[in-house]
PDBML (XML) file of the C-alpha atoms, coordinates in Angstrom:
<?xml version="1.0" encoding="UTF-8" ?>
<PDBx:datablock datablockName="MODEL"
   xmlns:PDBx="http://pdbml.pdb.org/schema/pdbx-v50.xsd"
   xmlns:xsi="http://www.w3.org/2001/XMLSchema-instance"
   xsi:schemaLocation="http://pdbml.pdb.org/schema/pdbx-v50.xsd pdbx-v50.xsd">
   <PDBx:atom_siteCategory>
      <PDBx:atom_site id="1">
         <PDBx:B_iso_or_equiv>0.00</PDBx:B_iso_or_equiv>
         <PDBx:Cartn_x>-6.700</PDBx:Cartn_x>
         <PDBx:Cartn_y>-12.792</PDBx:Cartn_y>
         <PDBx:Cartn_z>8.166</PDBx:Cartn_z>
         <PDBx:auth_asym_id>A</PDBx:auth_asym_id>
         <PDBx:auth_atom_id>CA</PDBx:auth_atom_id>
         <PDBx:auth_comp_id>UNK</PDBx:auth_comp_id>
         <PDBx:auth_seq_id>1</PDBx:auth_seq_id>
         <PDBx:group_PDB>ATOM</PDBx:group_PDB>
         <PDBx:label_alt_id xsi:nil="true" />
         <PDBx:label_asym_id>A</PDBx:label_asym_id>
         <PDBx:label_atom_id>CA</PDBx:label_atom_id>
         <PDBx:label_comp_id>UNK</PDBx:label_comp_id>
         <PDBx:label_entity_id>1</PDBx:label_entity_id>
         <PDBx:label_seq_id>1</PDBx:label_seq_id>
         <PDBx:occupancy>1.00</PDBx:occupancy>
         <PDBx:pdbx_PDB_model_num>1</PDBx:pdbx_PDB_model_num>
         <PDBx:type_symbol>C</PDBx:type_symbol>
      </PDBx:atom_site>
      <PDBx:atom_site id="2">
         <PDBx:B_iso_or_equiv>0.00</PDBx:B_iso_or_equiv>
         <PDBx:Cartn_x>-9.464</PDBx:Cartn_x>
         <PDBx:Cartn_y>-10.812</PDBx:Cartn_y>
         <PDBx:Cartn_z>6.481</PDBx:Cartn_z>
         <PDBx:auth_asym_id>A</PDBx:auth_asym_id>
         <PDBx:auth_atom_id>CA</PDBx:auth_atom_id>
         <PDBx:auth_comp_id>UNK</PDBx:auth_comp_id>
         <PDBx:auth_seq_id>2</PDBx:auth_seq_id>
         <PDBx:group_PDB>ATOM</PDBx:group_PDB>
         <PDBx:label_alt_id xsi:nil="true" />
         <PDBx:label_asym_id>A</PDBx:label_asym_id>
         <PDBx:label_atom_id>CA</PDBx:label_atom_id>
         <PDBx:label_comp_id>UNK</PDBx:label_comp_id>
         <PDBx:label_entity_id>1</PDBx:label_entity_id>
         <PDBx:label_seq_id>2</PDBx:label_seq_id>
         <PDBx:occupancy>1.00</PDBx:occupancy>
         <PDBx:pdbx_PDB_model_num>1</PDBx:pdbx_PDB_model_num>
         <PDBx:type_symbol>C</PDBx:type_symbol>
      </PDBx:atom_site>
      <PDBx:atom_site id="3">
         <PDBx:B_iso_or_equiv>0.00</PDBx:B_iso_or_equiv>
         <PDBx:Cartn_x>-9.329</PDBx:Cartn_x>
         <PDBx:Cartn_y>-7.518</PDBx:Cartn_y>
         <PDBx:Cartn_z>8.383</PDBx:Cartn_z>
         <PDBx:auth_asym_id>A</PDBx:auth_asym_id>
         <PDBx:auth_atom_id>CA</PDBx:auth_atom_id>
         <PDBx:auth_comp_id>UNK</PDBx:auth_comp_id>
         <PDBx:auth_seq_id>3</PDBx:auth_seq_id>
         <PDBx:group_PDB>ATOM</PDBx:group_PDB>
         <PDBx:label_alt_id xsi:nil="true" />
         <PDBx:label_asym_id>A</PDBx:label_asym_id>
         <PDBx:label_atom_id>CA</PDBx:label_atom_id>
         <PDBx:label_comp_id>UNK</PDBx:label_comp_id>
         <PDBx:label_entity_id>1</PDBx:label_entity_id>
         <PDBx:label_seq_id>3</PDBx:label_seq_id>
         <PDBx:occupancy>1.00</PDBx:occupancy>
         <PDBx:pdbx_PDB_model_num>1</PDBx:pdbx_PDB_model_num>
         <PDBx:type_symbol>C</PDBx:type_symbol>
      </PDBx:atom_site>
      <PDBx:atom_site id="4">
         <PDBx:B_iso_or_equiv>0.00</PDBx:B_iso_or_equiv>
         <PDBx:Cartn_x>-5.555</PDBx:Cartn_x>
         <PDBx:Cartn_y>-7.797</PDBx:Cartn_y>
         <PDBx:Cartn_z>8.614</PDBx:Cartn_z>
         <PDBx:auth_asym_id>A</PDBx:auth_asym_id>
         <PDBx:auth_atom_id>CA</PDBx:auth_atom_id>
         <PDBx:auth_comp_id>UNK</PDBx:auth_comp_id>
         <PDBx:auth_seq_id>4</PDBx:auth_seq_id>
         <PDBx:group_PDB>ATOM</PDBx:group_PDB>
         <PDBx:label_alt_id xsi:nil="true" />
         <PDBx:label_asym_id>A</PDBx:label_asym_id>
         <PDBx:label_atom_id>CA</PDBx:label_atom_id>
         <PDBx:label_comp_id>UNK</PDBx:label_comp_id>
         <PDBx:label_entity_id>1</PDBx:label_entity_id>
         <PDBx:label_seq_id>4</PDBx:label_seq_id>
         <PDBx:occupancy>1.00</PDBx:occupancy>
         <PDBx:pdbx_PDB_model_num>1</PDBx:pdbx_PDB_model_num>
         <PDBx:type_symbol>C</PDBx:type_symbol>
      </PDBx:atom_site>
      <PDBx:atom_site id="5">
         <PDBx:B_iso_or_equiv>0.00</PDBx:B_iso_or_equiv>
         <PDBx:Cartn_x>-5.512</PDBx:Cartn_x>
         <PDBx:Cartn_y>-7.861</PDBx:Cartn_y>
         <PDBx:Cartn_z>4.808</PDBx:Cartn_z>
         <PDBx:auth_asym_id>A</PDBx:auth_asym_id>
         <PDBx:auth_atom_id>CA</PDBx:auth_atom_id>
         <PDBx:auth_comp_id>UNK</PDBx:auth_comp_id>
         <PDBx:auth_seq_id>5</PDBx:auth_seq_id>
         <PDBx:group_PDB>ATOM</PDBx:group_PDB>
         <PDBx:label_alt_id xsi:nil="true" />
         <PDBx:label_asym_id>A</PDBx:label_asym_id>
         <PDBx:label_atom_id>CA</PDBx:label_atom_id>
         <PDBx:label_comp_id>UNK</PDBx:label_comp_id>
         <PDBx:label_entity_id>1</PDBx:label_entity_id>
         <PDBx:label_seq_id>5</PDBx:label_seq_id>
         <PDBx:occupancy>1.00</PDBx:occupancy>
         <PDBx:pdbx_PDB_model_num>1</PDBx:pdbx_PDB_model_num>
         <PDBx:type_symbol>C</PDBx:type_symbol>
      </PDBx:atom_site>
      <PDBx:atom_site id="6">
         <PDBx:B_iso_or_equiv>0.00</PDBx:B_iso_or_equiv>
         <PDBx:Cartn_x>-7.137</PDBx:Cartn_x>
         <PDBx:Cartn_y>-4.405</PDBx:Cartn_y>
         <PDBx:Cartn_z>4.765</PDBx:Cartn_z>
         <PDBx:auth_asym_id>A</PDBx:auth_asym_id>
         <PDBx:auth_atom_id>CA</PDBx:auth_atom_id>
         <PDBx:auth_comp_id>UNK</PDBx:auth_comp_id>
         <PDBx:auth_seq_id>6</PDBx:auth_seq_id>
         <PDBx:group_PDB>ATOM</PDBx:group_PDB>
         <PDBx:label_alt_id xsi:nil="true" />
         <PDBx:label_asym_id>A</PDBx:label_asym_id>
         <PDBx:label_atom_id>CA</PDBx:label_atom_id>
         <PDBx:label_comp_id>UNK</PDBx:label_comp_id>
         <PDBx:label_entity_id>1</PDBx:label_entity_id>
         <PDBx:label_seq_id>6</PDBx:label_seq_id>
         <PDBx:occupancy>1.00</PDBx:occupancy>
         <PDBx:pdbx_PDB_model_num>1</PDBx:pdbx_PDB_model_num>
         <PDBx:type_symbol>C</PDBx:type_symbol>
      </PDBx:atom_site>
      <PDBx:atom_site id="7">
         <PDBx:B_iso_or_equiv>0.00</PDBx:B_iso_or_equiv>
         <PDBx:Cartn_x>-4.120</PDBx:Cartn_x>
         <PDBx:Cartn_y>-3.060</PDBx:Cartn_y>
         <PDBx:Cartn_z>6.637</PDBx:Cartn_z>
         <PDBx:auth_asym_id>A</PDBx:auth_asym_id>
         <PDBx:auth_atom_id>CA</PDBx:auth_atom_id>
         <PDBx:auth_comp_id>UNK</PDBx:auth_comp_id>
         <PDBx:auth_seq_id>7</PDBx:auth_seq_id>
         <PDBx:group_PDB>ATOM</PDBx:group_PDB>
         <PDBx:label_alt_id xsi:nil="true" />
         <PDBx:label_asym_id>A</PDBx:label_asym_id>
         <PDBx:label_atom_id>CA</PDBx:label_atom_id>
         <PDBx:label_comp_id>UNK</PDBx:label_comp_id>
         <PDBx:label_entity_id>1</PDBx:label_entity_id>
         <PDBx:label_seq_id>7</PDBx:label_seq_id>
         <PDBx:occupancy>1.00</PDBx:occupancy>
         <PDBx:pdbx_PDB_model_num>1</PDBx:pdbx_PDB_model_num>
         <PDBx:type_symbol>C</PDBx:type_symbol>
      </PDBx:atom_site>
      <PDBx:atom_site id="8">
         <PDBx:B_iso_or_equiv>0.00</PDBx:B_iso_or_equiv>
         <PDBx:Cartn_x>-1.567</PDBx:Cartn_x>
         <PDBx:Cartn_y>-4.966</PDBx:Cartn_y>
         <PDBx:Cartn_z>4.585</PDBx:Cartn_z>
         <PDBx:auth_asym_id>A</PDBx:auth_asym_id>
         <PDBx:auth_atom_id>CA</PDBx:auth_atom_id>
         <PDBx:auth_comp_id>UNK</PDBx:auth_comp_id>
         <PDBx:auth_seq_id>8</PDBx:auth_seq_id>
         <PDBx:group_PDB>ATOM</PDBx:group_PDB>
         <PDBx:label_alt_id xsi:nil="true" />
         <PDBx:label_asym_id>A</PDBx:label_asym_id>
         <PDBx:label_atom_id>CA</PDBx:label_atom_id>
         <PDBx:label_comp_id>UNK</PDBx:label_comp_id>
         <PDBx:label_entity_id>1</PDBx:label_entity_id>
         <PDBx:label_seq_id>8</PDBx:label_seq_id>
         <PDBx:occupancy>1.00</PDBx:occupancy>
         <PDBx:pdbx_PDB_model_num>1</PDBx:pdbx_PDB_model_num>
         <PDBx:type_symbol>C</PDBx:type_symbol>
      </PDBx:atom_site>
      <PDBx:atom_site id="9">
         <PDBx:B_iso_or_equiv>0.00</PDBx:B_iso_or_equiv>
         <PDBx:Cartn_x>-3.111</PDBx:Cartn_x>
         <PDBx:Cartn_y>-3.771</PDBx:Cartn_y>
         <PDBx:Cartn_z>1.318</PDBx:Cartn_z>
         <PDBx:auth_asym_id>A</PDBx:auth_asym_id>
         <PDBx:auth_atom_id>CA</PDBx:auth_atom_id>
         <PDBx:auth_comp_id>UNK</PDBx:auth_comp_id>
         <PDBx:auth_seq_id>9</PDBx:auth_seq_id>
         <PDBx:group_PDB>ATOM</PDBx:group_PDB>
         <PDBx:label_alt_id xsi:nil="true" />
         <PDBx:label_asym_id>A</PDBx:label_asym_id>
         <PDBx:label_atom_id>CA</PDBx:label_atom_id>
         <PDBx:label_comp_id>UNK</PDBx:label_comp_id>
         <PDBx:label_entity_id>1</PDBx:label_entity_id>
         <PDBx:label_seq_id>9</PDBx:label_seq_id>
         <PDBx:occupancy>1.00</PDBx:occupancy>
         <PDBx:pdbx_PDB_model_num>1</PDBx:pdbx_PDB_model_num>
         <PDBx:type_symbol>C</PDBx:type_symbol>
      </PDBx:atom_site>
      <PDBx:atom_site id="10">
         <PDBx:B_iso_or_equiv>0.00</PDBx:B_iso_or_equiv>
         <PDBx:Cartn_x>-2.970</PDBx:Cartn_x>
         <PDBx:Cartn_y>-0.170</PDBx:Cartn_y>
         <PDBx:Cartn_z>2.527</PDBx:Cartn_z>
         <PDBx:auth_asym_id>A</PDBx:auth_asym_id>
         <PDBx:auth_atom_id>CA</PDBx:auth_atom_id>
         <PDBx:auth_comp_id>UNK</PDBx:auth_comp_id>
         <PDBx:auth_seq_id>10</PDBx:auth_seq_id>
         <PDBx:group_PDB>ATOM</PDBx:group_PDB>
         <PDBx:label_alt_id xsi:nil="true" />
         <PDBx:label_asym_id>A</PDBx:label_asym_id>
         <PDBx:label_atom_id>CA</PDBx:label_atom_id>
         <PDBx:label_comp_id>UNK</PDBx:label_comp_id>
         <PDBx:label_entity_id>1</PDBx:label_entity_id>
         <PDBx:label_seq_id>10</PDBx:label_seq_id>
         <PDBx:occupancy>1.00</PDBx:occupancy>
         <PDBx:pdbx_PDB_model_num>1</PDBx:pdbx_PDB_model_num>
         <PDBx:type_symbol>C</PDBx:type_symbol>
      </PDBx:atom_site>
      <PDBx:atom_site id="11">
         <PDBx:B_iso_or_equiv>0.00</PDBx:B_iso_or_equiv>
         <PDBx:Cartn_x>0.600</PDBx:Cartn_x>
         <PDBx:Cartn_y>-0.652</PDBx:Cartn_y>
         <PDBx:Cartn_z>3.770</PDBx:Cartn_z>
         <PDBx:auth_asym_id>A</PDBx:auth_asym_id>
         <PDBx:auth_atom_id>CA</PDBx:auth_atom_id>
         <PDBx:auth_comp_id>UNK</PDBx:auth_comp_id>
         <PDBx:auth_seq_id>11</PDBx:auth_seq_id>
         <PDBx:group_PDB>ATOM</PDBx:group_PDB>
         <PDBx:label_alt_id xsi:nil="true" />
         <PDBx:label_asym_id>A</PDBx:label_asym_id>
         <PDBx:label_atom_id>CA</PDBx:label_atom_id>
         <PDBx:label_comp_id>UNK</PDBx:label_comp_id>
         <PDBx:label_entity_id>1</PDBx:label_entity_id>
         <PDBx:label_seq_id>11</PDBx:label_seq_id>
         <PDBx:occupancy>1.00</PDBx:occupancy>
         <PDBx:pdbx_PDB_model_num>1</PDBx:pdbx_PDB_model_num>
         <PDBx:type_symbol>C</PDBx:type_symbol>
      </PDBx:atom_site>
      <PDBx:atom_site id="12">
         <PDBx:B_iso_or_equiv>0.00</PDBx:B_iso_or_equiv>
         <PDBx:Cartn_x>1.842</PDBx:Cartn_x>
         <PDBx:Cartn_y>-2.282</PDBx:Cartn_y>
         <PDBx:Cartn_z>0.565</PDBx:Cartn_z>
         <PDBx:auth_asym_id>A</PDBx:auth_asym_id>
         <PDBx:auth_atom_id>CA</PDBx:auth_atom_id>
         <PDBx:auth_comp_id>UNK</PDBx:auth_comp_id>
         <PDBx:auth_seq_id>12</PDBx:auth_seq_id>
         <PDBx:group_PDB>ATOM</PDBx:group_PDB>
         <PDBx:label_alt_id xsi:nil="true" />
         <PDBx:label_asym_id>A</PDBx:label_asym_id>
         <PDBx:label_atom_id>CA</PDBx:label_atom_id>
         <PDBx:label_comp_id>UNK</PDBx:label_comp_id>
         <PDBx:label_entity_id>1</PDBx:label_entity_id>
         <PDBx:label_seq_id>12</PDBx:label_seq_id>
         <PDBx:occupancy>1.00</PDBx:occupancy>
         <PDBx:pdbx_PDB_model_num>1</PDBx:pdbx_PDB_model_num>
         <PDBx:type_symbol>C</PDBx:type_symbol>
      </PDBx:atom_site>
      <PDBx:atom_site id="13">
         <PDBx:B_iso_or_equiv>0.00</PDBx:B_iso_or_equiv>
         <PDBx:Cartn_x>0.306</PDBx:Cartn_x>
         <PDBx:Cartn_y>0.286</PDBx:Cartn_y>
         <PDBx:Cartn_z>-1.789</PDBx:Cartn_z>
         <PDBx:auth_asym_id>A</PDBx:auth_asym_id>
         <PDBx:auth_atom_id>CA</PDBx:auth_atom_id>
         <PDBx:auth_comp_id>UNK</PDBx:auth_comp_id>
         <PDBx:auth_seq_id>13</PDBx:auth_seq_id>
         <PDBx:group_PDB>ATOM</PDBx:group_PDB>
         <PDBx:label_alt_id xsi:nil="true" />
         <PDBx:label_asym_id>A</PDBx:label_asym_id>
         <PDBx:label_atom_id>CA</PDBx:label_atom_id>
         <PDBx:label_comp_id>UNK</PDBx:label_comp_id>
         <PDBx:label_entity_id>1</PDBx:label_entity_id>
         <PDBx:label_seq_id>13</PDBx:label_seq_id>
         <PDBx:occupancy>1.00</PDBx:occupancy>
         <PDBx:pdbx_PDB_model_num>1</PDBx:pdbx_PDB_model_num>
         <PDBx:type_symbol>C</PDBx:type_symbol>
      </PDBx:atom_site>
      <PDBx:atom_site id="14">
         <PDBx:B_iso_or_equiv>0.00</PDBx:B_iso_or_equiv>
         <PDBx:Cartn_x>1.624</PDBx:Cartn_x>
         <PDBx:Cartn_y>3.112</PDBx:Cartn_y>
         <PDBx:Cartn_z>0.375</PDBx:Cartn_z>
         <PDBx:auth_asym_id>A</PDBx:auth_asym_id>
         <PDBx:auth_atom_id>CA</PDBx:auth_atom_id>
         <PDBx:auth_comp_id>UNK</PDBx:auth_comp_id>
         <PDBx:auth_seq_id>14</PDBx:auth_seq_id>
         <PDBx:group_PDB>ATOM</PDBx:group_PDB>
         <PDBx:label_alt_id xsi:nil="true" />
         <PDBx:label_asym_id>A</PDBx:label_asym_id>
         <PDBx:label_atom_id>CA</PDBx:label_atom_id>
         <PDBx:label_comp_id>UNK</PDBx:label_comp_id>
         <PDBx:label_entity_id>1</PDBx:label_entity_id>
         <PDBx:label_seq_id>14</PDBx:label_seq_id>
         <PDBx:occupancy>1.00</PDBx:occupancy>
         <PDBx:pdbx_PDB_model_num>1</PDBx:pdbx_PDB_model_num>
         <PDBx:type_symbol>C</PDBx:type_symbol>
      </PDBx:atom_site>
      <PDBx:atom_site id="15">
         <PDBx:B_iso_or_equiv>0.00</PDBx:B_iso_or_equiv>
         <PDBx:Cartn_x>5.115</PDBx:Cartn_x>
         <PDBx:Cartn_y>1.583</PDBx:Cartn_y>
         <PDBx:Cartn_z>0.407</PDBx:Cartn_z>
         <PDBx:auth_asym_id>A</PDBx:auth_asym_id>
         <PDBx:auth_atom_id>CA</PDBx:auth_atom_id>
         <PDBx:auth_comp_id>UNK</PDBx:auth_comp_id>
         <PDBx:auth_seq_id>15</PDBx:auth_seq_id>
         <PDBx:group_PDB>ATOM</PDBx:group_PDB>
         <PDBx:label_alt_id xsi:nil="true" />
         <PDBx:label_asym_id>A</PDBx:label_asym_id>
         <PDBx:label_atom_id>CA</PDBx:label_atom_id>
         <PDBx:label_comp_id>UNK</PDBx:label_comp_id>
         <PDBx:label_entity_id>1</PDBx:label_entity_id>
         <PDBx:label_seq_id>15</PDBx:label_seq_id>
         <PDBx:occupancy>1.00</PDBx:occupancy>
         <PDBx:pdbx_PDB_model_num>1</PDBx:pdbx_PDB_model_num>
         <PDBx:type_symbol>C</PDBx:type_symbol>
      </PDBx:atom_site>
      <PDBx:atom_site id="16">
         <PDBx:B_iso_or_equiv>0.00</PDBx:B_iso_or_equiv>
         <PDBx:Cartn_x>5.344</PDBx:Cartn_x>
         <PDBx:Cartn_y>0.976</PDBx:Cartn_y>
         <PDBx:Cartn_z>-3.348</PDBx:Cartn_z>
         <PDBx:auth_asym_id>A</PDBx:auth_asym_id>
         <PDBx:auth_atom_id>CA</PDBx:auth_atom_id>
         <PDBx:auth_comp_id>UNK</PDBx:auth_comp_id>
         <PDBx:auth_seq_id>16</PDBx:auth_seq_id>
         <PDBx:group_PDB>ATOM</PDBx:group_PDB>
         <PDBx:label_alt_id xsi:nil="true" />
         <PDBx:label_asym_id>A</PDBx:label_asym_id>
         <PDBx:label_atom_id>CA</PDBx:label_atom_id>
         <PDBx:label_comp_id>UNK</PDBx:label_comp_id>
         <PDBx:label_entity_id>1</PDBx:label_entity_id>
         <PDBx:label_seq_id>16</PDBx:label_seq_id>
         <PDBx:occupancy>1.00</PDBx:occupancy>
         <PDBx:pdbx_PDB_model_num>1</PDBx:pdbx_PDB_model_num>
         <PDBx:type_symbol>C</PDBx:type_symbol>
      </PDBx:atom_site>
      <PDBx:atom_site id="17">
         <PDBx:B_iso_or_equiv>0.00</PDBx:B_iso_or_equiv>
         <PDBx:Cartn_x>3.958</PDBx:Cartn_x>
         <PDBx:Cartn_y>4.427</PDBx:Cartn_y>
         <PDBx:Cartn_z>-4.159</PDBx:Cartn_z>
         <PDBx:auth_asym_id>A</PDBx:auth_asym_id>
         <PDBx:auth_atom_id>CA</PDBx:auth_atom_id>
         <PDBx:auth_comp_id>UNK</PDBx:auth_comp_id>
         <PDBx:auth_seq_id>17</PDBx:auth_seq_id>
         <PDBx:group_PDB>ATOM</PDBx:group_PDB>
         <PDBx:label_alt_id xsi:nil="true" />
         <PDBx:label_asym_id>A</PDBx:label_asym_id>
         <PDBx:label_atom_id>CA</PDBx:label_atom_id>
         <PDBx:label_comp_id>UNK</PDBx:label_comp_id>
         <PDBx:label_entity_id>1</PDBx:label_entity_id>
         <PDBx:label_seq_id>17</PDBx:label_seq_id>
         <PDBx:occupancy>1.00</PDBx:occupancy>
         <PDBx:pdbx_PDB_model_num>1</PDBx:pdbx_PDB_model_num>
         <PDBx:type_symbol>C</PDBx:type_symbol>
      </PDBx:atom_site>
      <PDBx:atom_site id="18">
         <PDBx:B_iso_or_equiv>0.00</PDBx:B_iso_or_equiv>
         <PDBx:Cartn_x>6.419</PDBx:Cartn_x>
         <PDBx:Cartn_y>6.036</PDBx:Cartn_y>
         <PDBx:Cartn_z>-1.760</PDBx:Cartn_z>
         <PDBx:auth_asym_id>A</PDBx:auth_asym_id>
         <PDBx:auth_atom_id>CA</PDBx:auth_atom_id>
         <PDBx:auth_comp_id>UNK</PDBx:auth_comp_id>
         <PDBx:auth_seq_id>18</PDBx:auth_seq_id>
         <PDBx:group_PDB>ATOM</PDBx:group_PDB>
         <PDBx:label_alt_id xsi:nil="true" />
         <PDBx:label_asym_id>A</PDBx:label_asym_id>
         <PDBx:label_atom_id>CA</PDBx:label_atom_id>
         <PDBx:label_comp_id>UNK</PDBx:label_comp_id>
         <PDBx:label_entity_id>1</PDBx:label_entity_id>
         <PDBx:label_seq_id>18</PDBx:label_seq_id>
         <PDBx:occupancy>1.00</PDBx:occupancy>
         <PDBx:pdbx_PDB_model_num>1</PDBx:pdbx_PDB_model_num>
         <PDBx:type_symbol>C</PDBx:type_symbol>
      </PDBx:atom_site>
      <PDBx:atom_site id="19">
         <PDBx:B_iso_or_equiv>0.00</PDBx:B_iso_or_equiv>
         <PDBx:Cartn_x>9.430</PDBx:Cartn_x>
         <PDBx:Cartn_y>3.933</PDBx:Cartn_y>
         <PDBx:Cartn_z>-2.720</PDBx:Cartn_z>
         <PDBx:auth_asym_id>A</PDBx:auth_asym_id>
         <PDBx:auth_atom_id>CA</PDBx:auth_atom_id>
         <PDBx:auth_comp_id>UNK</PDBx:auth_comp_id>
         <PDBx:auth_seq_id>19</PDBx:auth_seq_id>
         <PDBx:group_PDB>ATOM</PDBx:group_PDB>
         <PDBx:label_alt_id xsi:nil="true" />
         <PDBx:label_asym_id>A</PDBx:label_asym_id>
         <PDBx:label_atom_id>CA</PDBx:label_atom_id>
         <PDBx:label_comp_id>UNK</PDBx:label_comp_id>
         <PDBx:label_entity_id>1</PDBx:label_entity_id>
         <PDBx:label_seq_id>19</PDBx:label_seq_id>
         <PDBx:occupancy>1.00</PDBx:occupancy>
         <PDBx:pdbx_PDB_model_num>1</PDBx:pdbx_PDB_model_num>
         <PDBx:type_symbol>C</PDBx:type_symbol>
      </PDBx:atom_site>
      <PDBx:atom_site id="20">
         <PDBx:B_iso_or_equiv>0.00</PDBx:B_iso_or_equiv>
         <PDBx:Cartn_x>8.981</PDBx:Cartn_x>
         <PDBx:Cartn_y>4.206</PDBx:Cartn_y>
         <PDBx:Cartn_z>-6.479</PDBx:Cartn_z>
         <PDBx:auth_asym_id>A</PDBx:auth_asym_id>
         <PDBx:auth_atom_id>CA</PDBx:auth_atom_id>
         <PDBx:auth_comp_id>UNK</PDBx:auth_comp_id>
         <PDBx:auth_seq_id>20</PDBx:auth_seq_id>
         <PDBx:group_PDB>ATOM</PDBx:group_PDB>
         <PDBx:label_alt_id xsi:nil="true" />
         <PDBx:label_asym_id>A</PDBx:label_asym_id>
         <PDBx:label_atom_id>CA</PDBx:label_atom_id>
         <PDBx:label_comp_id>UNK</PDBx:label_comp_id>
         <PDBx:label_entity_id>1</PDBx:label_entity_id>
         <PDBx:label_seq_id>20</PDBx:label_seq_id>
         <PDBx:occupancy>1.00</PDBx:occupancy>
         <PDBx:pdbx_PDB_model_num>1</PDBx:pdbx_PDB_model_num>
         <PDBx:type_symbol>C</PDBx:type_symbol>
      </PDBx:atom_site>
      <PDBx:atom_site id="21">
         <PDBx:B_iso_or_equiv>0.00</PDBx:B_iso_or_equiv>
         <PDBx:Cartn_x>8.097</PDBx:Cartn_x>
         <PDBx:Cartn_y>7.943</PDBx:Cartn_y>
         <PDBx:Cartn_z>-6.388</PDBx:Cartn_z>
         <PDBx:auth_asym_id>A</PDBx:auth_asym_id>
         <PDBx:auth_atom_id>CA</PDBx:auth_atom_id>
         <PDBx:auth_comp_id>UNK</PDBx:auth_comp_id>
         <PDBx:auth_seq_id>21</PDBx:auth_seq_id>
         <PDBx:group_PDB>ATOM</PDBx:group_PDB>
         <PDBx:label_alt_id xsi:nil="true" />
         <PDBx:label_asym_id>A</PDBx:label_asym_id>
         <PDBx:label_atom_id>CA</PDBx:label_atom_id>
         <PDBx:label_comp_id>UNK</PDBx:label_comp_id>
         <PDBx:label_entity_id>1</PDBx:label_entity_id>
         <PDBx:label_seq_id>21</PDBx:label_seq_id>
         <PDBx:occupancy>1.00</PDBx:occupancy>
         <PDBx:pdbx_PDB_model_num>1</PDBx:pdbx_PDB_model_num>
         <PDBx:type_symbol>C</PDBx:type_symbol>
      </PDBx:atom_site>
      <PDBx:atom_site id="22">
         <PDBx:B_iso_or_equiv>0.00</PDBx:B_iso_or_equiv>
         <PDBx:Cartn_x>4.749</PDBx:Cartn_x>
         <PDBx:Cartn_y>7.638</PDBx:Cartn_y>
         <PDBx:Cartn_z>-8.153</PDBx:Cartn_z>
         <PDBx:auth_asym_id>A</PDBx:auth_asym_id>
         <PDBx:auth_atom_id>CA</PDBx:auth_atom_id>
         <PDBx:auth_comp_id>UNK</PDBx:auth_comp_id>
         <PDBx:auth_seq_id>22</PDBx:auth_seq_id>
         <PDBx:group_PDB>ATOM</PDBx:group_PDB>
         <PDBx:label_alt_id xsi:nil="true" />
         <PDBx:label_asym_id>A</PDBx:label_asym_id>
         <PDBx:label_atom_id>CA</PDBx:label_atom_id>
         <PDBx:label_comp_id>UNK</PDBx:label_comp_id>
         <PDBx:label_entity_id>1</PDBx:label_entity_id>
         <PDBx:label_seq_id>22</PDBx:label_seq_id>
         <PDBx:occupancy>1.00</PDBx:occupancy>
         <PDBx:pdbx_PDB_model_num>1</PDBx:pdbx_PDB_model_num>
         <PDBx:type_symbol>C</PDBx:type_symbol>
      </PDBx:atom_site>
      <PDBx:atom_site id="23">
         <PDBx:B_iso_or_equiv>0.00</PDBx:B_iso_or_equiv>
         <PDBx:Cartn_x>2.678</PDBx:Cartn_x>
         <PDBx:Cartn_y>10.673</PDBx:Cartn_y>
         <PDBx:Cartn_z>-9.113</PDBx:Cartn_z>
         <PDBx:auth_asym_id>A</PDBx:auth_asym_id>
         <PDBx:auth_atom_id>CA</PDBx:auth_atom_id>
         <PDBx:auth_comp_id>UNK</PDBx:auth_comp_id>
         <PDBx:auth_seq_id>23</PDBx:auth_seq_id>
         <PDBx:group_PDB>ATOM</PDBx:group_PDB>
         <PDBx:label_alt_id xsi:nil="true" />
         <PDBx:label_asym_id>A</PDBx:label_asym_id>
         <PDBx:label_atom_id>CA</PDBx:label_atom_id>
         <PDBx:label_comp_id>UNK</PDBx:label_comp_id>
         <PDBx:label_entity_id>1</PDBx:label_entity_id>
         <PDBx:label_seq_id>23</PDBx:label_seq_id>
         <PDBx:occupancy>1.00</PDBx:occupancy>
         <PDBx:pdbx_PDB_model_num>1</PDBx:pdbx_PDB_model_num>
         <PDBx:type_symbol>C</PDBx:type_symbol>
      </PDBx:atom_site>
      <PDBx:atom_site id="24">
         <PDBx:B_iso_or_equiv>0.00</PDBx:B_iso_or_equiv>
         <PDBx:Cartn_x>-0.830</PDBx:Cartn_x>
         <PDBx:Cartn_y>9.230</PDBx:Cartn_y>
         <PDBx:Cartn_z>-8.963</PDBx:Cartn_z>
         <PDBx:auth_asym_id>A</PDBx:auth_asym_id>
         <PDBx:auth_atom_id>CA</PDBx:auth_atom_id>
         <PDBx:auth_comp_id>UNK</PDBx:auth_comp_id>
         <PDBx:auth_seq_id>24</PDBx:auth_seq_id>
         <PDBx:group_PDB>ATOM</PDBx:group_PDB>
         <PDBx:label_alt_id xsi:nil="true" />
         <PDBx:label_asym_id>A</PDBx:label_asym_id>
         <PDBx:label_atom_id>CA</PDBx:label_atom_id>
         <PDBx:label_comp_id>UNK</PDBx:label_comp_id>
         <PDBx:label_entity_id>1</PDBx:label_entity_id>
         <PDBx:label_seq_id>24</PDBx:label_seq_id>
         <PDBx:occupancy>1.00</PDBx:occupancy>
         <PDBx:pdbx_PDB_model_num>1</PDBx:pdbx_PDB_model_num>
         <PDBx:type_symbol>C</PDBx:type_symbol>
      </PDBx:atom_site>
      <PDBx:atom_site id="25">
         <PDBx:B_iso_or_equiv>0.00</PDBx:B_iso_or_equiv>
         <PDBx:Cartn_x>-2.848</PDBx:Cartn_x>
         <PDBx:Cartn_y>6.043</PDBx:Cartn_y>
         <PDBx:Cartn_z>-8.529</PDBx:Cartn_z>
         <PDBx:auth_asym_id>A</PDBx:auth_asym_id>
         <PDBx:auth_atom_id>CA</PDBx:auth_atom_id>
         <PDBx:auth_comp_id>UNK</PDBx:auth_comp_id>
         <PDBx:auth_seq_id>25</PDBx:auth_seq_id>
         <PDBx:group_PDB>ATOM</PDBx:group_PDB>
         <PDBx:label_alt_id xsi:nil="true" />
         <PDBx:label_asym_id>A</PDBx:label_asym_id>
         <PDBx:label_atom_id>CA</PDBx:label_atom_id>
         <PDBx:label_comp_id>UNK</PDBx:label_comp_id>
         <PDBx:label_entity_id>1</PDBx:label_entity_id>
         <PDBx:label_seq_id>25</PDBx:label_seq_id>
         <PDBx:occupancy>1.00</PDBx:occupancy>
         <PDBx:pdbx_PDB_model_num>1</PDBx:pdbx_PDB_model_num>
         <PDBx:type_symbol>C</PDBx:type_symbol>
      </PDBx:atom_site>
   </PDBx:atom_siteCategory>
</PDBx:datablock>
């Protein structure tokens, strides 16, 4: 699960930032 978590972290942060219309991180 370890390397898969790298992808899921990237996916989840991308999705929340996109969906909630954030300006920075």
